[in-house]
Amino acid sequence: MKVILLDEIKGKGGEGDVVEVAQGYAENFLFPKKLAVAATKGNLKQLDERRNNIAKREAVRLATANETKAAFEGKTVTVDVKVGDEGVLFGSVTAAMIADAIKAQLGMDIDRKRVELGKPIKVAGAHTVAISLYREIKAEVVVLVGVTAEELAAEAEETAEVAEAETAEVETEAAAE
């Protein structure tokens, strides 16, 4: 059954798109929620008249998504959880926890469904998480789990010092031979 989408539906299309869907999906889900209308001659004619308005709204949505992406660039969010001896969490960090941390620390209200986590985070440390803003536009945020930025910097500095010491040892051994 051909329908005209009135709103964006993930995996189907955006506002104004004419798509083919199953009849049951259209009649039991799309039509009652007013997400689509049947693609009749009259509705298609109305769609042609509304194309300009739809294009303007689409441009505004894209601009807003790009602004939000720019606001997220380089941002770090800390999620405070209990961590075991070897850096393993008691429980896990979910998309909802990350969305709440973003709202509290950055002041941006993000729906938890937009946080693309894949699987819950179960290990302490820094994790890069993608946030789907609009269609293909995604922002990346670094999530610090169970550690603060200062602790992470100190740990990185410590690791660098150890690596330098090991490199110096290898160079002195090579020079001795």
N, C-alpha and C. Protein backbone atom coordinates (compact mmCIF):
# COMPACT_ATOMS: atom_id res chain seq x y z
N MET A 1 0.85 -1.17 0.00
CA MET A 1 0.00 0.00 0.00
C MET A 1 0.90 1.24 0.00
N LYS A 2 0.62 2.19 -0.87
CA LYS A 2 1.39 3.43 -0.93
C LYS A 2 0.79 4.45 0.02
N VAL A 3 1.68 5.08 0.81
CA VAL A 3 1.26 6.12 1.76
C VAL A 3 2.18 7.33 1.63
N ILE A 4 1.68 8.47 2.09
CA ILE A 4 2.48 9.70 2.15
C ILE A 4 2.80 9.93 3.62
N LEU A 5 4.09 9.98 3.95
CA LEU A 5 4.50 10.18 5.33
C LEU A 5 4.29 11.63 5.75
N LEU A 6 3.73 11.83 6.93
CA LEU A 6 3.50 13.17 7.46
C LEU A 6 4.58 13.57 8.46
N ASP A 7 5.42 12.62 8.84
CA ASP A 7 6.50 12.86 9.79
C ASP A 7 7.62 11.89 9.45
N GLU A 8 8.78 12.11 10.01
CA GLU A 8 9.89 11.21 9.75
C GLU A 8 9.69 9.90 10.51
N ILE A 9 9.91 8.80 9.81
CA ILE A 9 9.82 7.47 10.42
C ILE A 9 11.13 6.77 10.12
N LYS A 10 11.82 6.37 11.19
CA LYS A 10 13.13 5.74 11.03
C LYS A 10 13.01 4.49 10.17
N GLY A 11 13.84 4.40 9.17
CA GLY A 11 13.85 3.24 8.30
C GLY A 11 12.88 3.31 7.15
N LYS A 12 11.97 4.29 7.14
CA LYS A 12 10.98 4.41 6.07
C LYS A 12 11.21 5.65 5.23
N GLY A 13 11.38 6.80 5.87
CA GLY A 13 11.59 8.03 5.12
C GLY A 13 11.21 9.25 5.93
N GLY A 14 11.24 10.40 5.27
CA GLY A 14 10.95 11.66 5.93
C GLY A 14 9.61 12.22 5.52
N GLU A 15 9.30 13.38 6.04
CA GLU A 15 8.03 14.04 5.75
C GLU A 15 7.89 14.29 4.25
N GLY A 16 6.72 13.92 3.70
CA GLY A 16 6.44 14.14 2.29
C GLY A 16 6.86 13.00 1.39
N ASP A 17 7.53 12.00 1.90
CA ASP A 17 7.96 10.87 1.06
C ASP A 17 6.77 9.95 0.79
N VAL A 18 6.70 9.44 -0.42
CA VAL A 18 5.69 8.45 -0.78
C VAL A 18 6.40 7.10 -0.73
N VAL A 19 5.92 6.22 0.17
CA VAL A 19 6.58 4.93 0.38
C VAL A 19 5.56 3.80 0.32
N GLU A 20 6.09 2.63 0.04
CA GLU A 20 5.28 1.42 0.02
C GLU A 20 5.42 0.71 1.36
N VAL A 21 4.29 0.46 2.04
CA VAL A 21 4.30 -0.24 3.32
C VAL A 21 3.23 -1.33 3.30
N ALA A 22 3.30 -2.22 4.26
CA ALA A 22 2.28 -3.26 4.38
C ALA A 22 0.96 -2.62 4.79
N GLN A 23 -0.13 -3.18 4.31
CA GLN A 23 -1.45 -2.60 4.58
C GLN A 23 -1.77 -2.60 6.08
N GLY A 24 -1.41 -3.68 6.77
CA GLY A 24 -1.67 -3.74 8.21
C GLY A 24 -0.88 -2.70 8.98
N TYR A 25 0.37 -2.47 8.58
CA TYR A 25 1.21 -1.46 9.22
C TYR A 25 0.60 -0.07 9.04
N ALA A 26 0.11 0.18 7.84
CA ALA A 26 -0.50 1.48 7.55
C ALA A 26 -1.79 1.66 8.35
N GLU A 27 -2.68 0.68 8.29
CA GLU A 27 -4.00 0.82 8.92
C GLU A 27 -3.95 0.74 10.44
N ASN A 28 -3.04 -0.05 10.99
CA ASN A 28 -3.01 -0.24 12.44
C ASN A 28 -2.01 0.64 13.18
N PHE A 29 -1.05 1.21 12.47
CA PHE A 29 -0.05 2.02 13.15
C PHE A 29 0.05 3.44 12.58
N LEU A 30 0.32 3.55 11.30
CA LEU A 30 0.57 4.87 10.71
C LEU A 30 -0.67 5.77 10.70
N PHE A 31 -1.79 5.25 10.25
CA PHE A 31 -3.00 6.09 10.16
C PHE A 31 -3.53 6.51 11.53
N PRO A 32 -3.65 5.59 12.53
CA PRO A 32 -4.16 6.03 13.84
C PRO A 32 -3.26 7.05 14.53
N LYS A 33 -1.95 6.95 14.32
CA LYS A 33 -1.03 7.89 14.96
C LYS A 33 -0.81 9.14 14.11
N LYS A 34 -1.51 9.23 13.00
CA LYS A 34 -1.43 10.36 12.07
C LYS A 34 0.01 10.61 11.60
N LEU A 35 0.70 9.51 11.30
CA LEU A 35 2.05 9.59 10.77
C LEU A 35 2.05 9.50 9.25
N ALA A 36 0.90 9.11 8.66
CA ALA A 36 0.82 8.98 7.21
C ALA A 36 -0.63 9.05 6.76
N VAL A 37 -0.80 9.33 5.47
CA VAL A 37 -2.13 9.30 4.83
C VAL A 37 -2.00 8.45 3.57
N ALA A 38 -3.12 7.92 3.11
CA ALA A 38 -3.11 7.11 1.90
C ALA A 38 -2.68 7.97 0.71
N ALA A 39 -1.97 7.37 -0.23
CA ALA A 39 -1.46 8.10 -1.39
C ALA A 39 -2.53 8.12 -2.50
N THR A 40 -3.61 8.84 -2.26
CA THR A 40 -4.66 9.00 -3.27
C THR A 40 -4.30 10.16 -4.19
N LYS A 41 -5.05 10.31 -5.30
CA LYS A 41 -4.78 11.41 -6.23
C LYS A 41 -4.90 12.76 -5.54
N GLY A 42 -5.93 12.91 -4.72
CA GLY A 42 -6.14 14.18 -4.02
C GLY A 42 -5.02 14.49 -3.04
N ASN A 43 -4.62 13.48 -2.28
CA ASN A 43 -3.53 13.67 -1.31
C ASN A 43 -2.19 13.96 -2.00
N LEU A 44 -1.95 13.31 -3.15
CA LEU A 44 -0.72 13.57 -3.89
C LEU A 44 -0.71 15.00 -4.45
N LYS A 45 -1.88 15.50 -4.86
CA LYS A 45 -1.98 16.87 -5.36
C LYS A 45 -1.69 17.86 -4.23
N GLN A 46 -2.25 17.60 -3.05
CA GLN A 46 -1.98 18.45 -1.89
C GLN A 46 -0.49 18.41 -1.52
N LEU A 47 0.12 17.25 -1.66
CA LEU A 47 1.55 17.10 -1.36
C LEU A 47 2.38 17.99 -2.28
N ASP A 48 2.04 18.02 -3.56
CA ASP A 48 2.77 18.88 -4.51
C ASP A 48 2.69 20.34 -4.09
N GLU A 49 1.56 20.76 -3.57
CA GLU A 49 1.38 22.15 -3.14
C GLU A 49 2.17 22.44 -1.86
N ARG A 50 2.36 21.42 -1.03
CA ARG A 50 3.04 21.62 0.25
C ARG A 50 4.56 21.40 0.16
N ARG A 51 5.08 20.98 -0.97
CA ARG A 51 6.51 20.66 -1.10
C ARG A 51 7.42 21.81 -0.65
N ASN A 52 7.06 23.05 -0.98
CA ASN A 52 7.89 24.20 -0.60
C ASN A 52 7.98 24.32 0.92
N ASN A 53 6.84 24.19 1.61
CA ASN A 53 6.84 24.27 3.08
C ASN A 53 7.64 23.13 3.71
N ILE A 54 7.52 21.95 3.14
CA ILE A 54 8.25 20.79 3.64
C ILE A 54 9.75 21.02 3.49
N ALA A 55 10.18 21.59 2.36
CA ALA A 55 11.60 21.87 2.12
C ALA A 55 12.12 22.89 3.13
N LYS A 56 11.34 23.89 3.47
CA LYS A 56 11.75 24.90 4.45
C LYS A 56 11.92 24.27 5.83
N ARG A 57 10.97 23.42 6.24
CA ARG A 57 11.08 22.75 7.54
C ARG A 57 12.28 21.82 7.59
N GLU A 58 12.55 21.15 6.47
CA GLU A 58 13.70 20.24 6.39
C GLU A 58 15.00 21.03 6.56
N ALA A 59 15.08 22.20 5.92
CA ALA A 59 16.28 23.04 6.03
C ALA A 59 16.49 23.49 7.48
N VAL A 60 15.40 23.85 8.17
CA VAL A 60 15.50 24.26 9.57
C VAL A 60 15.97 23.10 10.44
N ARG A 61 15.44 21.91 10.20
CA ARG A 61 15.84 20.72 10.98
C ARG A 61 17.33 20.41 10.77
N LEU A 62 17.78 20.49 9.53
CA LEU A 62 19.19 20.22 9.24
C LEU A 62 20.09 21.26 9.91
N ALA A 63 19.70 22.52 9.85
CA ALA A 63 20.50 23.57 10.48
C ALA A 63 20.57 23.37 11.99
N THR A 64 19.44 23.04 12.60
CA THR A 64 19.40 22.80 14.04
C THR A 64 20.28 21.61 14.42
N ALA A 65 20.21 20.54 13.64
CA ALA A 65 21.01 19.35 13.91
C ALA A 65 22.50 19.67 13.79
N ASN A 66 22.88 20.45 12.79
CA ASN A 66 24.30 20.81 12.62
C ASN A 66 24.79 21.72 13.74
N GLU A 67 23.93 22.63 14.23
CA GLU A 67 24.29 23.48 15.37
C GLU A 67 24.51 22.63 16.62
N THR A 68 23.61 21.68 16.83
CA THR A 68 23.72 20.80 17.99
C THR A 68 24.98 19.96 17.90
N LYS A 69 25.29 19.47 16.69
CA LYS A 69 26.51 18.68 16.49
C LYS A 69 27.73 19.51 16.84
N ALA A 70 27.75 20.77 16.39
CA ALA A 70 28.88 21.65 16.69
C ALA A 70 29.00 21.89 18.19
N ALA A 71 27.86 21.97 18.88
CA ALA A 71 27.87 22.19 20.34
C ALA A 71 28.43 20.96 21.07
N PHE A 72 28.25 19.78 20.51
CA PHE A 72 28.73 18.54 21.15
C PHE A 72 30.20 18.27 20.89
N GLU A 73 30.78 18.82 19.83
CA GLU A 73 32.15 18.51 19.45
C GLU A 73 33.13 18.81 20.59
N GLY A 74 33.93 17.81 20.93
CA GLY A 74 34.96 17.96 21.96
C GLY A 74 34.44 17.96 23.39
N LYS A 75 33.18 17.68 23.60
CA LYS A 75 32.61 17.69 24.95
C LYS A 75 32.84 16.34 25.63
N THR A 76 32.97 16.42 26.95
CA THR A 76 33.17 15.24 27.77
C THR A 76 32.11 15.21 28.87
N VAL A 77 31.55 14.05 29.11
CA VAL A 77 30.53 13.86 30.13
C VAL A 77 31.03 12.78 31.09
N THR A 78 30.83 13.00 32.39
CA THR A 78 31.25 12.03 33.39
C THR A 78 30.04 11.32 33.98
N VAL A 79 30.10 9.99 34.01
CA VAL A 79 29.06 9.19 34.64
C VAL A 79 29.69 8.53 35.86
N ASP A 80 29.18 8.85 37.03
CA ASP A 80 29.75 8.34 38.28
C ASP A 80 29.06 7.03 38.66
N VAL A 81 29.82 5.95 38.69
CA VAL A 81 29.30 4.63 39.06
C VAL A 81 30.32 3.94 39.95
N LYS A 82 29.86 2.90 40.64
CA LYS A 82 30.77 2.11 41.48
C LYS A 82 31.61 1.21 40.59
N VAL A 83 32.92 1.19 40.88
CA VAL A 83 33.85 0.41 40.07
C VAL A 83 34.57 -0.59 40.97
N GLY A 84 34.72 -1.81 40.47
CA GLY A 84 35.44 -2.85 41.21
C GLY A 84 36.94 -2.66 41.13
N ASP A 85 37.69 -3.62 41.70
CA ASP A 85 39.15 -3.54 41.78
C ASP A 85 39.82 -3.45 40.40
N GLU A 86 39.36 -4.22 39.45
CA GLU A 86 40.03 -4.29 38.16
C GLU A 86 39.37 -3.43 37.10
N GLY A 87 38.61 -2.41 37.50
CA GLY A 87 37.98 -1.50 36.54
C GLY A 87 36.67 -2.00 35.98
N VAL A 88 36.13 -3.08 36.53
CA VAL A 88 34.85 -3.61 36.08
C VAL A 88 33.74 -2.97 36.92
N LEU A 89 32.68 -2.56 36.26
CA LEU A 89 31.59 -1.87 36.95
C LEU A 89 30.68 -2.84 37.68
N PHE A 90 30.05 -2.33 38.73
CA PHE A 90 28.97 -3.05 39.39
C PHE A 90 27.71 -2.64 38.64
N GLY A 91 27.26 -3.46 37.70
CA GLY A 91 26.15 -3.09 36.83
C GLY A 91 26.71 -2.60 35.51
N SER A 92 26.02 -1.65 34.88
CA SER A 92 26.49 -1.12 33.60
C SER A 92 25.94 0.28 33.39
N VAL A 93 26.55 0.98 32.43
CA VAL A 93 26.11 2.32 32.07
C VAL A 93 25.22 2.18 30.84
N THR A 94 23.99 2.69 30.93
CA THR A 94 23.02 2.57 29.84
C THR A 94 22.87 3.89 29.10
N ALA A 95 22.13 3.85 28.01
CA ALA A 95 21.87 5.05 27.21
C ALA A 95 21.10 6.09 28.03
N ALA A 96 20.19 5.64 28.87
CA ALA A 96 19.42 6.58 29.71
C ALA A 96 20.33 7.32 30.68
N MET A 97 21.30 6.62 31.26
CA MET A 97 22.24 7.26 32.19
C MET A 97 23.08 8.31 31.46
N ILE A 98 23.50 8.00 30.24
CA ILE A 98 24.29 8.95 29.45
C ILE A 98 23.45 10.17 29.08
N ALA A 99 22.19 9.95 28.69
CA ALA A 99 21.30 11.07 28.35
C ALA A 99 21.07 11.97 29.56
N ASP A 100 20.90 11.37 30.74
CA ASP A 100 20.72 12.16 31.97
C ASP A 100 21.98 12.95 32.29
N ALA A 101 23.15 12.34 32.10
CA ALA A 101 24.42 13.03 32.38
C ALA A 101 24.62 14.19 31.41
N ILE A 102 24.25 14.02 30.15
CA ILE A 102 24.36 15.10 29.16
C ILE A 102 23.46 16.25 29.56
N LYS A 103 22.25 15.93 29.99
CA LYS A 103 21.31 16.99 30.39
C LYS A 103 21.83 17.74 31.62
N ALA A 104 22.36 17.01 32.60
CA ALA A 104 22.83 17.63 33.83
C ALA A 104 24.11 18.43 33.62
N GLN A 105 25.05 17.91 32.84
CA GLN A 105 26.36 18.54 32.72
C GLN A 105 26.48 19.52 31.56
N LEU A 106 25.79 19.25 30.45
CA LEU A 106 25.90 20.11 29.28
C LEU A 106 24.65 20.96 29.06
N GLY A 107 23.57 20.63 29.75
CA GLY A 107 22.33 21.40 29.61
C GLY A 107 21.59 21.14 28.31
N MET A 108 21.87 20.02 27.65
CA MET A 108 21.20 19.67 26.39
C MET A 108 20.29 18.49 26.63
N ASP A 109 19.03 18.63 26.26
CA ASP A 109 18.05 17.57 26.47
C ASP A 109 18.08 16.62 25.27
N ILE A 110 18.57 15.41 25.48
CA ILE A 110 18.68 14.40 24.42
C ILE A 110 17.84 13.19 24.83
N ASP A 111 17.06 12.69 23.89
CA ASP A 111 16.26 11.49 24.13
C ASP A 111 17.20 10.28 24.22
N ARG A 112 16.97 9.41 25.17
CA ARG A 112 17.84 8.25 25.37
C ARG A 112 17.88 7.35 24.14
N LYS A 113 16.83 7.39 23.34
CA LYS A 113 16.78 6.55 22.14
C LYS A 113 17.76 7.03 21.07
N ARG A 114 18.21 8.26 21.19
CA ARG A 114 19.15 8.81 20.21
C ARG A 114 20.61 8.48 20.56
N VAL A 115 20.84 8.00 21.78
CA VAL A 115 22.19 7.62 22.19
C VAL A 115 22.47 6.23 21.62
N GLU A 116 23.43 6.14 20.70
CA GLU A 116 23.74 4.88 20.03
C GLU A 116 24.87 4.18 20.78
N LEU A 117 24.46 3.35 21.71
CA LEU A 117 25.42 2.69 22.58
C LEU A 117 25.79 1.30 22.08
N GLY A 118 24.87 0.64 21.41
CA GLY A 118 25.12 -0.73 20.97
C GLY A 118 24.88 -1.69 22.12
N LYS A 119 25.84 -1.75 23.03
CA LYS A 119 25.68 -2.58 24.22
C LYS A 119 26.09 -1.73 25.42
N PRO A 120 25.58 -2.04 26.60
CA PRO A 120 25.91 -1.24 27.79
C PRO A 120 27.40 -1.26 28.11
N ILE A 121 27.88 -0.18 28.66
CA ILE A 121 29.29 -0.05 29.05
C ILE A 121 29.48 -0.73 30.40
N LYS A 122 30.45 -1.65 30.48
CA LYS A 122 30.68 -2.40 31.72
C LYS A 122 32.09 -2.25 32.25
N VAL A 123 32.90 -1.38 31.62
CA VAL A 123 34.29 -1.20 32.01
C VAL A 123 34.55 0.29 32.24
N ALA A 124 35.28 0.62 33.29
CA ALA A 124 35.61 2.01 33.59
C ALA A 124 36.58 2.54 32.54
N GLY A 125 36.53 3.87 32.34
CA GLY A 125 37.45 4.50 31.41
C GLY A 125 36.73 5.48 30.51
N ALA A 126 37.39 5.89 29.44
CA ALA A 126 36.82 6.83 28.48
C ALA A 126 36.24 6.05 27.30
N HIS A 127 35.00 6.36 26.95
CA HIS A 127 34.31 5.70 25.84
C HIS A 127 33.73 6.77 24.93
N THR A 128 33.88 6.61 23.62
CA THR A 128 33.28 7.53 22.66
C THR A 128 31.90 6.99 22.30
N VAL A 129 30.88 7.86 22.45
CA VAL A 129 29.51 7.45 22.20
C VAL A 129 28.92 8.36 21.12
N ALA A 130 28.24 7.75 20.13
CA ALA A 130 27.60 8.51 19.06
C ALA A 130 26.17 8.86 19.46
N ILE A 131 25.75 10.07 19.09
CA ILE A 131 24.39 10.52 19.35
C ILE A 131 23.77 10.89 18.01
N SER A 132 22.69 10.21 17.66
CA SER A 132 22.01 10.46 16.39
C SER A 132 21.13 11.69 16.55
N LEU A 133 21.42 12.73 15.78
CA LEU A 133 20.68 13.98 15.90
C LEU A 133 19.55 14.08 14.89
N TYR A 134 19.85 13.79 13.62
CA TYR A 134 18.82 13.85 12.58
C TYR A 134 19.33 13.11 11.37
N ARG A 135 18.62 12.11 10.94
CA ARG A 135 19.00 11.26 9.81
C ARG A 135 20.44 10.82 9.90
N GLU A 136 21.34 11.28 9.01
CA GLU A 136 22.73 10.83 9.03
C GLU A 136 23.62 11.69 9.91
N ILE A 137 23.09 12.73 10.52
CA ILE A 137 23.91 13.63 11.33
C ILE A 137 24.07 13.05 12.72
N LYS A 138 25.33 12.77 13.08
CA LYS A 138 25.63 12.19 14.38
C LYS A 138 26.73 13.02 15.06
N ALA A 139 26.62 13.15 16.36
CA ALA A 139 27.64 13.84 17.15
C ALA A 139 28.31 12.80 18.04
N GLU A 140 29.57 13.04 18.37
CA GLU A 140 30.28 12.12 19.25
C GLU A 140 30.66 12.83 20.54
N VAL A 141 30.43 12.13 21.65
CA VAL A 141 30.73 12.65 22.98
C VAL A 141 31.60 11.62 23.69
N VAL A 142 32.59 12.11 24.43
CA VAL A 142 33.43 11.20 25.22
C VAL A 142 32.78 11.06 26.59
N VAL A 143 32.52 9.83 26.98
CA VAL A 143 31.89 9.54 28.26
C VAL A 143 32.94 8.93 29.18
N LEU A 144 33.20 9.61 30.28
CA LEU A 144 34.14 9.09 31.28
C LEU A 144 33.33 8.31 32.31
N VAL A 145 33.61 7.03 32.41
CA VAL A 145 32.86 6.15 33.30
C VAL A 145 33.73 5.78 34.50
N GLY A 146 33.29 6.19 35.68
CA GLY A 146 33.98 5.82 36.91
C GLY A 146 35.29 6.54 37.15
N VAL A 147 35.66 7.47 36.29
CA VAL A 147 36.89 8.25 36.47
C VAL A 147 36.60 9.71 36.15
N THR A 148 37.44 10.59 36.64
CA THR A 148 37.30 12.00 36.29
C THR A 148 38.34 12.34 35.22
N ALA A 149 38.21 13.49 34.61
CA ALA A 149 39.14 13.90 33.56
C ALA A 149 40.55 14.03 34.11
N GLU A 150 40.68 14.51 35.37
CA GLU A 150 42.00 14.67 35.98
C GLU A 150 42.67 13.31 36.19
N GLU A 151 41.88 12.33 36.68
CA GLU A 151 42.43 10.99 36.89
C GLU A 151 42.87 10.37 35.57
N LEU A 152 42.08 10.58 34.52
CA LEU A 152 42.40 10.03 33.21
C LEU A 152 43.68 10.68 32.66
N ALA A 153 43.82 11.98 32.85
CA ALA A 153 45.03 12.69 32.40
C ALA A 153 46.25 12.20 33.17
N ALA A 154 46.11 12.02 34.48
CA ALA A 154 47.22 11.54 35.31
C ALA A 154 47.62 10.12 34.89
N GLU A 155 46.62 9.30 34.59
CA GLU A 155 46.89 7.93 34.16
C GLU A 155 47.61 7.92 32.81
N ALA A 156 47.19 8.80 31.90
CA ALA A 156 47.84 8.89 30.59
C ALA A 156 49.28 9.37 30.74
N GLU A 157 49.50 10.34 31.66
CA GLU A 157 50.84 10.86 31.90
C GLU A 157 51.73 9.77 32.48
N GLU A 158 51.17 8.99 33.41
CA GLU A 158 51.90 7.88 34.02
C GLU A 158 52.29 6.85 32.96
N THR A 159 51.36 6.53 32.09
CA THR A 159 51.62 5.58 31.02
C THR A 159 52.71 6.10 30.09
N ALA A 160 52.68 7.39 29.79
CA ALA A 160 53.70 7.99 28.92
C ALA A 160 55.08 7.93 29.58
N GLU A 161 55.14 8.20 30.90
CA GLU A 161 56.41 8.14 31.62
C GLU A 161 56.97 6.72 31.62
N VAL A 162 56.11 5.73 31.83
CA VAL A 162 56.56 4.34 31.81
C VAL A 162 57.07 3.98 30.42
N ALA A 163 56.37 4.41 29.38
CA ALA A 163 56.79 4.12 28.01
C ALA A 163 58.14 4.77 27.72
N GLU A 164 58.35 6.01 28.20
CA GLU A 164 59.63 6.69 28.00
C GLU A 164 60.76 5.95 28.72
N ALA A 165 60.49 5.49 29.93
CA ALA A 165 61.50 4.76 30.71
C ALA A 165 61.87 3.46 30.00
N GLU A 166 60.86 2.75 29.48
CA GLU A 166 61.13 1.50 28.78
C GLU A 166 61.93 1.75 27.50
N THR A 167 61.61 2.83 26.80
CA THR A 167 62.33 3.18 25.58
C THR A 167 63.78 3.50 25.91
N ALA A 168 64.01 4.24 26.99
CA ALA A 168 65.37 4.58 27.40
C ALA A 168 66.16 3.32 27.76
N GLU A 169 65.51 2.36 28.45
CA GLU A 169 66.16 1.09 28.81
C GLU A 169 66.58 0.34 27.57
N VAL A 170 65.70 0.25 26.60
CA VAL A 170 65.99 -0.48 25.38
C VAL A 170 67.13 0.18 24.63
N GLU A 171 67.13 1.52 24.62
CA GLU A 171 68.21 2.24 23.92
C GLU A 171 69.56 2.02 24.61
N THR A 172 69.58 2.02 25.95
CA THR A 172 70.86 1.81 26.66
C THR A 172 71.34 0.37 26.47
N GLU A 173 70.40 -0.59 26.44
CA GLU A 173 70.79 -1.99 26.21
C GLU A 173 71.35 -2.15 24.81
N ALA A 174 70.73 -1.48 23.85
CA ALA A 174 71.17 -1.58 22.44
C ALA A 174 72.55 -0.93 22.29
N ALA A 175 72.78 0.17 23.03
CA ALA A 175 74.07 0.86 22.96
C ALA A 175 75.15 0.01 23.64
N ALA A 176 74.83 -0.75 24.68
CA ALA A 176 75.79 -1.58 25.40
C ALA A 176 76.25 -2.75 24.55
N GLU A 177 75.40 -3.22 23.66
CA GLU A 177 75.75 -4.37 22.82
C GLU A 177 76.60 -3.90 21.73
